[in-house]
Amino acid sequence: MAKFHGQVGFGETVEGAPGVYADAIVENTYYGDIVQNRSSLRQGETLNKNFSINNSISIVADDYARENFFAIRYVEWAGEYWSVADVTVQLPRLILQLGEVYNGPTADAPISP
């Protein structure tokens, strides 16, 4: 089983201007295992096919991750940000099911409201 060490991004919705909300991203470093390693190429409604990975990453959750698992937006893995499609709570671990490439705000490059 391959090992995982990387950043997990959590989104917290904040009000930037009156009535305008955006995600403020908090990144934390986690360790764990890559439980499943697969990829797929799906035909979407776009010109190019959508590349997605169906990896499952099991991380050892700290108090912050256990309390905010619903706010996980992405995982930085293999040099790219991947969206988290599903989170399964199996304490003391969280199983993160990855999906497509994440294109939202990150801690390094936030999007201003």
PDB file of N, CA and C in Angstrom:
ATOM      1  N   MET A   1       0.848  -1.166   0.000  1.00  0.00           N
ATOM      2  CA  MET A   1       0.000   0.000   0.000  1.00  0.00           C
ATOM      3  C   MET A   1       0.898   1.234   0.000  1.00  0.00           C
ATOM      4  N   ALA A   2       0.644   2.159  -0.890  1.00  0.00           N
ATOM      5  CA  ALA A   2       1.435   3.384  -0.996  1.00  0.00           C
ATOM      6  C   ALA A   2       1.078   4.343   0.133  1.00  0.00           C
ATOM      7  N   LYS A   3       2.033   5.153   0.505  1.00  0.00           N
ATOM      8  CA  LYS A   3       1.844   6.125   1.582  1.00  0.00           C
ATOM      9  C   LYS A   3       1.469   7.485   1.012  1.00  0.00           C
ATOM     10  N   PHE A   4       0.756   8.265   1.807  1.00  0.00           N
ATOM     11  CA  PHE A   4       0.343   9.615   1.423  1.00  0.00           C
ATOM     12  C   PHE A   4       0.870  10.600   2.449  1.00  0.00           C
ATOM     13  N   HIS A   5       1.359  11.720   1.951  1.00  0.00           N
ATOM     14  CA  HIS A   5       1.742  12.862   2.785  1.00  0.00           C
ATOM     15  C   HIS A   5       1.456  14.090   1.954  1.00  0.00           C
ATOM     16  N   GLY A   6       0.539  14.929   2.404  1.00  0.00           N
ATOM     17  CA  GLY A   6       0.215  16.104   1.604  1.00  0.00           C
ATOM     18  C   GLY A   6      -0.774  17.031   2.281  1.00  0.00           C
ATOM     19  N   GLN A   7      -1.131  18.055   1.538  1.00  0.00           N
ATOM     20  CA  GLN A   7      -2.031  19.093   2.028  1.00  0.00           C
ATOM     21  C   GLN A   7      -3.486  18.724   1.744  1.00  0.00           C
ATOM     22  N   VAL A   8      -4.341  19.028   2.701  1.00  0.00           N
ATOM     23  CA  VAL A   8      -5.786  18.896   2.537  1.00  0.00           C
ATOM     24  C   VAL A   8      -6.369  20.280   2.761  1.00  0.00           C
ATOM     25  N   GLY A   9      -7.183  20.751   1.816  1.00  0.00           N
ATOM     26  CA  GLY A   9      -7.770  22.088   1.893  1.00  0.00           C
ATOM     27  C   GLY A   9      -9.195  22.054   2.408  1.00  0.00           C
ATOM     28  N   PHE A  10      -9.459  22.869   3.420  1.00  0.00           N
ATOM     29  CA  PHE A  10     -10.782  23.002   4.003  1.00  0.00           C
ATOM     30  C   PHE A  10     -11.332  24.380   3.639  1.00  0.00           C
ATOM     31  N   GLY A  11     -12.592  24.449   3.229  1.00  0.00           N
ATOM     32  CA  GLY A  11     -13.214  25.717   2.873  1.00  0.00           C
ATOM     33  C   GLY A  11     -14.127  26.212   3.974  1.00  0.00           C
ATOM     34  N   GLU A  12     -13.953  27.472   4.333  1.00  0.00           N
ATOM     35  CA  GLU A  12     -14.821  28.112   5.306  1.00  0.00           C
ATOM     36  C   GLU A  12     -15.469  29.303   4.607  1.00  0.00           C
ATOM     37  N   THR A  13     -16.781  29.311   4.521  1.00  0.00           N
ATOM     38  CA  THR A  13     -17.481  30.382   3.829  1.00  0.00           C
ATOM     39  C   THR A  13     -17.460  31.645   4.675  1.00  0.00           C
ATOM     40  N   VAL A  14     -16.945  32.725   4.075  1.00  0.00           N
ATOM     41  CA  VAL A  14     -16.877  34.023   4.756  1.00  0.00           C
ATOM     42  C   VAL A  14     -17.516  35.083   3.862  1.00  0.00           C
ATOM     43  N   GLU A  15     -18.016  36.136   4.494  1.00  0.00           N
ATOM     44  CA  GLU A  15     -18.626  37.237   3.749  1.00  0.00           C
ATOM     45  C   GLU A  15     -17.562  38.291   3.501  1.00  0.00           C
ATOM     46  N   GLY A  16     -17.222  38.509   2.211  1.00  0.00           N
ATOM     47  CA  GLY A  16     -16.213  39.497   1.854  1.00  0.00           C
ATOM     48  C   GLY A  16     -16.800  40.892   1.818  1.00  0.00           C
ATOM     49  N   ALA A  17     -17.763  41.089   0.984  1.00  0.00           N
ATOM     50  CA  ALA A  17     -18.515  42.334   0.897  1.00  0.00           C
ATOM     51  C   ALA A  17     -19.949  41.997   1.298  1.00  0.00           C
ATOM     52  N   PRO A  18     -20.758  42.992   1.636  1.00  0.00           N
ATOM     53  CA  PRO A  18     -22.137  42.684   2.025  1.00  0.00           C
ATOM     54  C   PRO A  18     -22.870  41.867   0.950  1.00  0.00           C
ATOM     55  N   GLY A  19     -23.296  40.669   1.336  1.00  0.00           N
ATOM     56  CA  GLY A  19     -24.033  39.800   0.424  1.00  0.00           C
ATOM     57  C   GLY A  19     -23.170  38.988  -0.524  1.00  0.00           C
ATOM     58  N   VAL A  20     -21.831  39.107  -0.452  1.00  0.00           N
ATOM     59  CA  VAL A  20     -20.930  38.363  -1.324  1.00  0.00           C
ATOM     60  C   VAL A  20     -20.127  37.387  -0.465  1.00  0.00           C
ATOM     61  N   TYR A  21     -20.279  36.097  -0.751  1.00  0.00           N
ATOM     62  CA  TYR A  21     -19.623  35.059   0.039  1.00  0.00           C
ATOM     63  C   TYR A  21     -18.593  34.320  -0.811  1.00  0.00           C
ATOM     64  N   ALA A  22     -17.519  33.907  -0.170  1.00  0.00           N
ATOM     65  CA  ALA A  22     -16.464  33.142  -0.846  1.00  0.00           C
ATOM     66  C   ALA A  22     -15.849  32.187   0.167  1.00  0.00           C
ATOM     67  N   ASP A  23     -15.108  31.210  -0.344  1.00  0.00           N
ATOM     68  CA  ASP A  23     -14.425  30.261   0.523  1.00  0.00           C
ATOM     69  C   ASP A  23     -13.060  30.797   0.941  1.00  0.00           C
ATOM     70  N   ALA A  24     -12.822  30.809   2.246  1.00  0.00           N
ATOM     71  CA  ALA A  24     -11.481  31.058   2.772  1.00  0.00           C
ATOM     72  C   ALA A  24     -10.895  29.674   3.025  1.00  0.00           C
ATOM     73  N   ILE A  25      -9.755  29.385   2.430  1.00  0.00           N
ATOM     74  CA  ILE A  25      -9.177  28.042   2.474  1.00  0.00           C
ATOM     75  C   ILE A  25      -8.133  27.941   3.580  1.00  0.00           C
ATOM     76  N   VAL A  26      -8.241  26.864   4.348  1.00  0.00           N
ATOM     77  CA  VAL A  26      -7.254  26.524   5.368  1.00  0.00           C
ATOM     78  C   VAL A  26      -6.646  25.189   4.957  1.00  0.00           C
ATOM     79  N   GLU A  27      -5.311  25.139   4.853  1.00  0.00           N
ATOM     80  CA  GLU A  27      -4.626  23.897   4.499  1.00  0.00           C
ATOM     81  C   GLU A  27      -3.944  23.306   5.718  1.00  0.00           C
ATOM     82  N   ASN A  28      -4.077  21.996   5.854  1.00  0.00           N
ATOM     83  CA  ASN A  28      -3.379  21.257   6.906  1.00  0.00           C
ATOM     84  C   ASN A  28      -2.667  20.076   6.264  1.00  0.00           C
ATOM     85  N   THR A  29      -1.567  19.661   6.865  1.00  0.00           N
ATOM     86  CA  THR A  29      -0.788  18.531   6.367  1.00  0.00           C
ATOM     87  C   THR A  29      -1.238  17.255   7.073  1.00  0.00           C
ATOM     88  N   TYR A  30      -1.432  16.192   6.276  1.00  0.00           N
ATOM     89  CA  TYR A  30      -1.860  14.909   6.831  1.00  0.00           C
ATOM     90  C   TYR A  30      -1.024  13.777   6.255  1.00  0.00           C
ATOM     91  N   TYR A  31      -0.980  12.698   7.013  1.00  0.00           N
ATOM     92  CA  TYR A  31      -0.319  11.461   6.614  1.00  0.00           C
ATOM     93  C   TYR A  31      -1.368  10.376   6.492  1.00  0.00           C
ATOM     94  N   GLY A  32      -1.107   9.407   5.636  1.00  0.00           N
ATOM     95  CA  GLY A  32      -2.034   8.297   5.514  1.00  0.00           C
ATOM     96  C   GLY A  32      -1.592   7.313   4.459  1.00  0.00           C
ATOM     97  N   ASP A  33      -2.569   6.621   3.904  1.00  0.00           N
ATOM     98  CA  ASP A  33      -2.329   5.581   2.908  1.00  0.00           C
ATOM     99  C   ASP A  33      -3.200   5.811   1.687  1.00  0.00           C
ATOM    100  N   ILE A  34      -2.682   5.412   0.523  1.00  0.00           N
ATOM    101  CA  ILE A  34      -3.492   5.409  -0.693  1.00  0.00           C
ATOM    102  C   ILE A  34      -4.130   4.033  -0.766  1.00  0.00           C
ATOM    103  N   VAL A  35      -5.428   3.984  -0.525  1.00  0.00           N
ATOM    104  CA  VAL A  35      -6.143   2.724  -0.430  1.00  0.00           C
ATOM    105  C   VAL A  35      -6.451   2.167  -1.807  1.00  0.00           C
ATOM    106  N   GLN A  36      -6.806   3.050  -2.718  1.00  0.00           N
ATOM    107  CA  GLN A  36      -7.188   2.628  -4.062  1.00  0.00           C
ATOM    108  C   GLN A  36      -6.588   3.618  -5.045  1.00  0.00           C
ATOM    109  N   ASN A  37      -6.036   3.130  -6.155  1.00  0.00           N
ATOM    110  CA  ASN A  37      -5.362   3.985  -7.122  1.00  0.00           C
ATOM    111  C   ASN A  37      -5.889   3.665  -8.516  1.00  0.00           C
ATOM    112  N   ARG A  38      -6.848   4.473  -9.032  1.00  0.00           N
ATOM    113  CA  ARG A  38      -7.401   4.262 -10.374  1.00  0.00           C
ATOM    114  C   ARG A  38      -7.703   5.605 -11.030  1.00  0.00           C
ATOM    115  N   SER A  39      -7.818   5.577 -12.328  1.00  0.00           N
ATOM    116  CA  SER A  39      -8.178   6.786 -13.069  1.00  0.00           C
ATOM    117  C   SER A  39      -9.167   6.434 -14.167  1.00  0.00           C
ATOM    118  N   SER A  40      -9.835   7.472 -14.688  1.00  0.00           N
ATOM    119  CA  SER A  40     -10.786   7.249 -15.776  1.00  0.00           C
ATOM    120  C   SER A  40     -10.865   8.493 -16.643  1.00  0.00           C
ATOM    121  N   LEU A  41     -11.295   8.298 -17.846  1.00  0.00           N
ATOM    122  CA  LEU A  41     -11.484   9.364 -18.819  1.00  0.00           C
ATOM    123  C   LEU A  41     -12.938   9.294 -19.250  1.00  0.00           C
ATOM    124  N   ARG A  42     -13.716  10.336 -18.919  1.00  0.00           N
ATOM    125  CA  ARG A  42     -15.147  10.320 -19.193  1.00  0.00           C
ATOM    126  C   ARG A  42     -15.513  11.370 -20.227  1.00  0.00           C
ATOM    127  N   GLN A  43     -16.418  11.001 -21.102  1.00  0.00           N
ATOM    128  CA  GLN A  43     -16.939  11.955 -22.078  1.00  0.00           C
ATOM    129  C   GLN A  43     -17.969  12.820 -21.393  1.00  0.00           C
ATOM    130  N   GLY A  44     -17.753  14.112 -21.385  1.00  0.00           N
ATOM    131  CA  GLY A  44     -18.686  15.044 -20.768  1.00  0.00           C
ATOM    132  C   GLY A  44     -19.385  15.875 -21.826  1.00  0.00           C
ATOM    133  N   GLU A  45     -19.949  16.966 -21.385  1.00  0.00           N
ATOM    134  CA  GLU A  45     -20.625  17.872 -22.301  1.00  0.00           C
ATOM    135  C   GLU A  45     -19.681  18.923 -22.849  1.00  0.00           C
ATOM    136  N   THR A  46     -18.401  18.717 -22.660  1.00  0.00           N
ATOM    137  CA  THR A  46     -17.405  19.651 -23.142  1.00  0.00           C
ATOM    138  C   THR A  46     -16.684  19.056 -24.353  1.00  0.00           C
ATOM    139  N   LEU A  47     -15.880  19.865 -24.987  1.00  0.00           N
ATOM    140  CA  LEU A  47     -15.142  19.426 -26.159  1.00  0.00           C
ATOM    141  C   LEU A  47     -14.148  18.330 -25.804  1.00  0.00           C
ATOM    142  N   ASN A  48     -13.437  18.510 -24.705  1.00  0.00           N
ATOM    143  CA  ASN A  48     -12.451  17.522 -24.265  1.00  0.00           C
ATOM    144  C   ASN A  48     -13.060  16.604 -23.216  1.00  0.00           C
ATOM    145  N   LYS A  49     -12.538  15.403 -23.154  1.00  0.00           N
ATOM    146  CA  LYS A  49     -12.994  14.466 -22.140  1.00  0.00           C
ATOM    147  C   LYS A  49     -12.497  14.905 -20.770  1.00  0.00           C
ATOM    148  N   ASN A  50     -13.270  14.572 -19.732  1.00  0.00           N
ATOM    149  CA  ASN A  50     -12.899  14.911 -18.366  1.00  0.00           C
ATOM    150  C   ASN A  50     -12.052  13.801 -17.769  1.00  0.00           C
ATOM    151  N   PHE A  51     -10.867  14.180 -17.280  1.00  0.00           N
ATOM    152  CA  PHE A  51     -10.001  13.214 -16.618  1.00  0.00           C
ATOM    153  C   PHE A  51     -10.305  13.246 -15.139  1.00  0.00           C
ATOM    154  N   SER A  52     -10.496  12.084 -14.581  1.00  0.00           N
ATOM    155  CA  SER A  52     -10.782  12.005 -13.167  1.00  0.00           C
ATOM    156  C   SER A  52     -10.063  10.816 -12.586  1.00  0.00           C
ATOM    157  N   ILE A  53      -9.693  10.945 -11.321  1.00  0.00           N
ATOM    158  CA  ILE A  53      -9.104   9.810 -10.631  1.00  0.00           C
ATOM    159  C   ILE A  53     -10.101   9.354  -9.580  1.00  0.00           C
ATOM    160  N   ASN A  54     -10.107   8.104  -9.321  1.00  0.00           N
ATOM    161  CA  ASN A  54     -11.029   7.542  -8.343  1.00  0.00           C
ATOM    162  C   ASN A  54     -10.242   6.980  -7.173  1.00  0.00           C
ATOM    163  N   ASN A  55      -9.186   7.684  -6.805  1.00  0.00           N
ATOM    164  CA  ASN A  55      -8.349   7.231  -5.706  1.00  0.00           C
ATOM    165  C   ASN A  55      -9.063   7.417  -4.383  1.00  0.00           C
ATOM    166  N   SER A  56      -8.779   6.534  -3.474  1.00  0.00           N
ATOM    167  CA  SER A  56      -9.225   6.685  -2.091  1.00  0.00           C
ATOM    168  C   SER A  56      -7.980   6.860  -1.244  1.00  0.00           C
ATOM    169  N   ILE A  57      -7.960   7.933  -0.474  1.00  0.00           N
ATOM    170  CA  ILE A  57      -6.846   8.211   0.414  1.00  0.00           C
ATOM    171  C   ILE A  57      -7.368   8.184   1.838  1.00  0.00           C
ATOM    172  N   SER A  58      -6.727   7.386   2.663  1.00  0.00           N
ATOM    173  CA  SER A  58      -7.095   7.272   4.066  1.00  0.00           C
ATOM    174  C   SER A  58      -6.113   8.106   4.872  1.00  0.00           C
ATOM    175  N   ILE A  59      -6.610   9.151   5.542  1.00  0.00           N
ATOM    176  CA  ILE A  59      -5.737  10.003   6.345  1.00  0.00           C
ATOM    177  C   ILE A  59      -6.019   9.779   7.825  1.00  0.00           C
ATOM    178  N   VAL A  60      -4.985   9.974   8.638  1.00  0.00           N
ATOM    179  CA  VAL A  60      -5.151   9.942  10.086  1.00  0.00           C
ATOM    180  C   VAL A  60      -5.674  11.320  10.482  1.00  0.00           C
ATOM    181  N   ALA A  61      -6.892  11.362  10.996  1.00  0.00           N
ATOM    182  CA  ALA A  61      -7.569  12.631  11.254  1.00  0.00           C
ATOM    183  C   ALA A  61      -7.209  13.188  12.630  1.00  0.00           C
ATOM    184  N   ASP A  62      -6.950  14.485  12.661  1.00  0.00           N
ATOM    185  CA  ASP A  62      -6.777  15.173  13.933  1.00  0.00           C
ATOM    186  C   ASP A  62      -8.126  15.766  14.341  1.00  0.00           C
ATOM    187  N   ASP A  63      -8.150  16.518  15.431  1.00  0.00           N
ATOM    188  CA  ASP A  63      -9.411  17.097  15.907  1.00  0.00           C
ATOM    189  C   ASP A  63     -10.037  18.019  14.859  1.00  0.00           C
ATOM    190  N   TYR A  64      -9.202  18.830  14.179  1.00  0.00           N
ATOM    191  CA  TYR A  64      -9.723  19.756  13.171  1.00  0.00           C
ATOM    192  C   TYR A  64     -10.402  18.997  12.028  1.00  0.00           C
ATOM    193  N   ALA A  65      -9.770  17.948  11.532  1.00  0.00           N
ATOM    194  CA  ALA A  65     -10.343  17.181  10.422  1.00  0.00           C
ATOM    195  C   ALA A  65     -11.624  16.475  10.845  1.00  0.00           C
ATOM    196  N   ARG A  66     -11.656  15.937  12.054  1.00  0.00           N
ATOM    197  CA  ARG A  66     -12.868  15.257  12.528  1.00  0.00           C
ATOM    198  C   ARG A  66     -14.036  16.222  12.660  1.00  0.00           C
ATOM    199  N   GLU A  67     -13.770  17.437  13.097  1.00  0.00           N
ATOM    200  CA  GLU A  67     -14.837  18.418  13.295  1.00  0.00           C
ATOM    201  C   GLU A  67     -15.238  19.126  12.008  1.00  0.00           C
ATOM    202  N   ASN A  68     -14.385  19.117  10.990  1.00  0.00           N
ATOM    203  CA  ASN A  68     -14.647  19.866   9.757  1.00  0.00           C
ATOM    204  C   ASN A  68     -14.564  19.001   8.508  1.00  0.00           C
ATOM    205  N   PHE A  69     -14.805  17.706   8.613  1.00  0.00           N
ATOM    206  CA  PHE A  69     -14.690  16.818   7.451  1.00  0.00           C
ATOM    207  C   PHE A  69     -15.639  17.225   6.331  1.00  0.00           C
ATOM    208  N   PHE A  70     -16.765  17.821   6.669  1.00  0.00           N
ATOM    209  CA  PHE A  70     -17.743  18.259   5.673  1.00  0.00           C
ATOM    210  C   PHE A  70     -17.242  19.433   4.835  1.00  0.00           C
ATOM    211  N   ALA A  71     -16.186  20.114   5.285  1.00  0.00           N
ATOM    212  CA  ALA A  71     -15.668  21.293   4.591  1.00  0.00           C
ATOM    213  C   ALA A  71     -14.442  20.987   3.740  1.00  0.00           C
ATOM    214  N   ILE A  72     -14.061  19.710   3.613  1.00  0.00           N
ATOM    215  CA  ILE A  72     -12.883  19.368   2.814  1.00  0.00           C
ATOM    216  C   ILE A  72     -13.186  19.633   1.344  1.00  0.00           C
ATOM    217  N   ARG A  73     -12.361  20.442   0.708  1.00  0.00           N
ATOM    218  CA  ARG A  73     -12.556  20.819  -0.692  1.00  0.00           C
ATOM    219  C   ARG A  73     -11.611  20.076  -1.630  1.00  0.00           C
ATOM    220  N   TYR A  74     -10.335  19.918  -1.222  1.00  0.00           N
ATOM    221  CA  TYR A  74      -9.355  19.323  -2.131  1.00  0.00           C
ATOM    222  C   TYR A  74      -8.236  18.638  -1.368  1.00  0.00           C
ATOM    223  N   VAL A  75      -7.478  17.834  -2.134  1.00  0.00           N
ATOM    224  CA  VAL A  75      -6.258  17.185  -1.649  1.00  0.00           C
ATOM    225  C   VAL A  75      -5.167  17.480  -2.662  1.00  0.00           C
ATOM    226  N   GLU A  76      -3.999  17.869  -2.184  1.00  0.00           N
ATOM    227  CA  GLU A  76      -2.860  18.058  -3.073  1.00  0.00           C
ATOM    228  C   GLU A  76      -2.118  16.729  -3.141  1.00  0.00           C
ATOM    229  N   TRP A  77      -2.110  16.139  -4.336  1.00  0.00           N
ATOM    230  CA  TRP A  77      -1.494  14.828  -4.518  1.00  0.00           C
ATOM    231  C   TRP A  77      -0.911  14.745  -5.925  1.00  0.00           C
ATOM    232  N   ALA A  78       0.250  14.185  -6.050  1.00  0.00           N
ATOM    233  CA  ALA A  78       0.944  13.991  -7.329  1.00  0.00           C
ATOM    234  C   ALA A  78       1.120  15.309  -8.077  1.00  0.00           C
ATOM    235  N   GLY A  79       1.390  16.375  -7.332  1.00  0.00           N
ATOM    236  CA  GLY A  79       1.662  17.663  -7.946  1.00  0.00           C
ATOM    237  C   GLY A  79       0.442  18.412  -8.448  1.00  0.00           C
ATOM    238  N   GLU A  80      -0.743  17.990  -8.077  1.00  0.00           N
ATOM    239  CA  GLU A  80      -1.983  18.608  -8.556  1.00  0.00           C
ATOM    240  C   GLU A  80      -2.990  18.669  -7.418  1.00  0.00           C
ATOM    241  N   TYR A  81      -3.937  19.588  -7.543  1.00  0.00           N
ATOM    242  CA  TYR A  81      -5.045  19.669  -6.598  1.00  0.00           C
ATOM    243  C   TYR A  81      -6.204  18.849  -7.151  1.00  0.00           C
ATOM    244  N   TRP A  82      -6.754  17.934  -6.328  1.00  0.00           N
ATOM    245  CA  TRP A  82      -7.869  17.078  -6.722  1.00  0.00           C
ATOM    246  C   TRP A  82      -9.057  17.337  -5.822  1.00  0.00           C
ATOM    247  N   SER A  83     -10.242  17.461  -6.416  1.00  0.00           N
ATOM    248  CA  SER A  83     -11.441  17.680  -5.612  1.00  0.00           C
ATOM    249  C   SER A  83     -11.781  16.414  -4.836  1.00  0.00           C
ATOM    250  N   VAL A  84     -12.353  16.604  -3.672  1.00  0.00           N
ATOM    251  CA  VAL A  84     -12.794  15.484  -2.841  1.00  0.00           C
ATOM    252  C   VAL A  84     -14.269  15.276  -3.112  1.00  0.00           C
ATOM    253  N   ALA A  85     -14.604  14.121  -3.677  1.00  0.00           N
ATOM    254  CA  ALA A  85     -15.983  13.820  -4.059  1.00  0.00           C
ATOM    255  C   ALA A  85     -16.776  13.229  -2.907  1.00  0.00           C
ATOM    256  N   ASP A  86     -16.098  12.552  -1.976  1.00  0.00           N
ATOM    257  CA  ASP A  86     -16.805  11.868  -0.903  1.00  0.00           C
ATOM    258  C   ASP A  86     -15.858  11.676   0.277  1.00  0.00           C
ATOM    259  N   VAL A  87     -16.396  11.808   1.488  1.00  0.00           N
ATOM    260  CA  VAL A  87     -15.623  11.573   2.710  1.00  0.00           C
ATOM    261  C   VAL A  87     -16.361  10.535   3.541  1.00  0.00           C
ATOM    262  N   THR A  88     -15.652   9.483   3.921  1.00  0.00           N
ATOM    263  CA  THR A  88     -16.200   8.454   4.808  1.00  0.00           C
ATOM    264  C   THR A  88     -15.470   8.543   6.135  1.00  0.00           C
ATOM    265  N   VAL A  89     -16.229   8.651   7.212  1.00  0.00           N
ATOM    266  CA  VAL A  89     -15.645   8.747   8.543  1.00  0.00           C
ATOM    267  C   VAL A  89     -15.500   7.344   9.120  1.00  0.00           C
ATOM    268  N   GLN A  90     -14.259   6.934   9.362  1.00  0.00           N
ATOM    269  CA  GLN A  90     -13.943   5.668  10.018  1.00  0.00           C
ATOM    270  C   GLN A  90     -12.868   5.977  11.053  1.00  0.00           C
ATOM    271  N   LEU A  91     -13.289   6.597  12.146  1.00  0.00           N
ATOM    272  CA  LEU A  91     -12.353   7.092  13.141  1.00  0.00           C
ATOM    273  C   LEU A  91     -11.406   6.001  13.610  1.00  0.00           C
ATOM    274  N   PRO A  92     -10.138   6.306  13.731  1.00  0.00           N
ATOM    275  CA  PRO A  92      -9.504   7.622  13.731  1.00  0.00           C
ATOM    276  C   PRO A  92      -9.100   8.112  12.341  1.00  0.00           C
ATOM    277  N   ARG A  93      -9.656   7.520  11.302  1.00  0.00           N
ATOM    278  CA  ARG A  93      -9.293   7.902   9.933  1.00  0.00           C
ATOM    279  C   ARG A  93     -10.476   8.503   9.185  1.00  0.00           C
ATOM    280  N   LEU A  94     -10.142   9.252   8.136  1.00  0.00           N
ATOM    281  CA  LEU A  94     -11.123   9.719   7.162  1.00  0.00           C
ATOM    282  C   LEU A  94     -10.705   9.146   5.817  1.00  0.00           C
ATOM    283  N   ILE A  95     -11.653   8.579   5.085  1.00  0.00           N
ATOM    284  CA  ILE A  95     -11.383   8.043   3.749  1.00  0.00           C
ATOM    285  C   ILE A  95     -11.869   9.088   2.745  1.00  0.00           C
ATOM    286  N   LEU A  96     -10.942   9.645   1.968  1.00  0.00           N
ATOM    287  CA  LEU A  96     -11.259  10.690   0.995  1.00  0.00           C
ATOM    288  C   LEU A  96     -11.290  10.090  -0.401  1.00  0.00           C
ATOM    289  N   GLN A  97     -12.425  10.188  -1.068  1.00  0.00           N
ATOM    290  CA  GLN A  97     -12.569   9.712  -2.449  1.00  0.00           C
ATOM    291  C   GLN A  97     -12.312  10.909  -3.362  1.00  0.00           C
ATOM    292  N   LEU A  98     -11.273  10.830  -4.177  1.00  0.00           N
ATOM    293  CA  LEU A  98     -10.918  11.941  -5.059  1.00  0.00           C
ATOM    294  C   LEU A  98     -11.701  11.877  -6.357  1.00  0.00           C
ATOM    295  N   GLY A  99     -11.819  13.024  -7.015  1.00  0.00           N
ATOM    296  CA  GLY A  99     -12.555  13.107  -8.267  1.00  0.00           C
ATOM    297  C   GLY A  99     -11.738  13.812  -9.333  1.00  0.00           C
ATOM    298  N   GLU A 100     -12.288  14.889  -9.861  1.00  0.00           N
ATOM    299  CA  GLU A 100     -11.641  15.630 -10.947  1.00  0.00           C
ATOM    300  C   GLU A 100     -10.638  16.641 -10.407  1.00  0.00           C
ATOM    301  N   VAL A 101      -9.929  17.275 -11.326  1.00  0.00           N
ATOM    302  CA  VAL A 101      -8.979  18.322 -10.964  1.00  0.00           C
ATOM    303  C   VAL A 101      -9.746  19.466 -10.313  1.00  0.00           C
ATOM    304  N   TYR A 102      -9.207  19.970  -9.222  1.00  0.00           N
ATOM    305  CA  TYR A 102      -9.839  21.061  -8.474  1.00  0.00           C
ATOM    306  C   TYR A 102      -9.413  22.394  -9.062  1.00  0.00           C
ATOM    307  N   ASN A 103     -10.384  23.255  -9.375  1.00  0.00           N
ATOM    308  CA  ASN A 103     -10.093  24.546  -9.980  1.00  0.00           C
ATOM    309  C   ASN A 103     -10.550  25.721  -9.128  1.00  0.00           C
ATOM    310  N   GLY A 104     -10.894  25.476  -7.887  1.00  0.00           N
ATOM    311  CA  GLY A 104     -11.387  26.532  -7.001  1.00  0.00           C
ATOM    312  C   GLY A 104     -10.250  27.239  -6.290  1.00  0.00           C
ATOM    313  N   PRO A 105     -10.602  28.031  -5.273  1.00  0.00           N
ATOM    314  CA  PRO A 105      -9.582  28.760  -4.521  1.00  0.00           C
ATOM    315  C   PRO A 105      -8.720  27.812  -3.695  1.00  0.00           C
ATOM    316  N   THR A 106      -7.469  28.183  -3.520  1.00  0.00           N
ATOM    317  CA  THR A 106      -6.544  27.422  -2.674  1.00  0.00           C
ATOM    318  C   THR A 106      -5.947  28.377  -1.654  1.00  0.00           C
ATOM    319  N   ALA A 107      -5.211  27.843  -0.722  1.00  0.00           N
ATOM    320  CA  ALA A 107      -4.553  28.691   0.289  1.00  0.00           C
ATOM    321  C   ALA A 107      -3.483  29.563  -0.364  1.00  0.00           C
ATOM    322  N   ASP A 108      -2.851  29.057  -1.440  1.00  0.00           N
ATOM    323  CA  ASP A 108      -1.809  29.810  -2.143  1.00  0.00           C
ATOM    324  C   ASP A 108      -2.371  30.883  -3.070  1.00  0.00           C
ATOM    325  N   ALA A 109      -3.524  30.613  -3.660  1.00  0.00           N
ATOM    326  CA  ALA A 109      -4.106  31.531  -4.642  1.00  0.00           C
ATOM    327  C   ALA A 109      -5.596  31.688  -4.378  1.00  0.00           C
ATOM    328  N   PRO A 110      -5.969  32.448  -3.347  1.00  0.00           N
ATOM    329  CA  PRO A 110      -7.400  32.612  -3.058  1.00  0.00           C
ATOM    330  C   PRO A 110      -8.084  33.458  -4.114  1.00  0.00           C
ATOM    331  N   ILE A 111      -9.366  33.237  -4.257  1.00  0.00           N
ATOM    332  CA  ILE A 111     -10.186  34.048  -5.173  1.00  0.00           C
ATOM    333  C   ILE A 111     -10.856  35.137  -4.350  1.00  0.00           C
ATOM    334  N   SER A 112     -10.692  36.362  -4.749  1.00  0.00           N
ATOM    335  CA  SER A 112     -11.288  37.479  -4.022  1.00  0.00           C
ATOM    336  C   SER A 112     -12.760  37.584  -4.370  1.00  0.00           C
ATOM    337  N   PRO A 113     -13.593  37.928  -3.372  1.00  0.00           N
ATOM    338  CA  PRO A 113     -15.017  38.093  -3.663  1.00  0.00           C
ATOM    339  C   PRO A 113     -15.283  39.339  -4.461  1.00  0.00           C
TER     340      PRO A 113
END
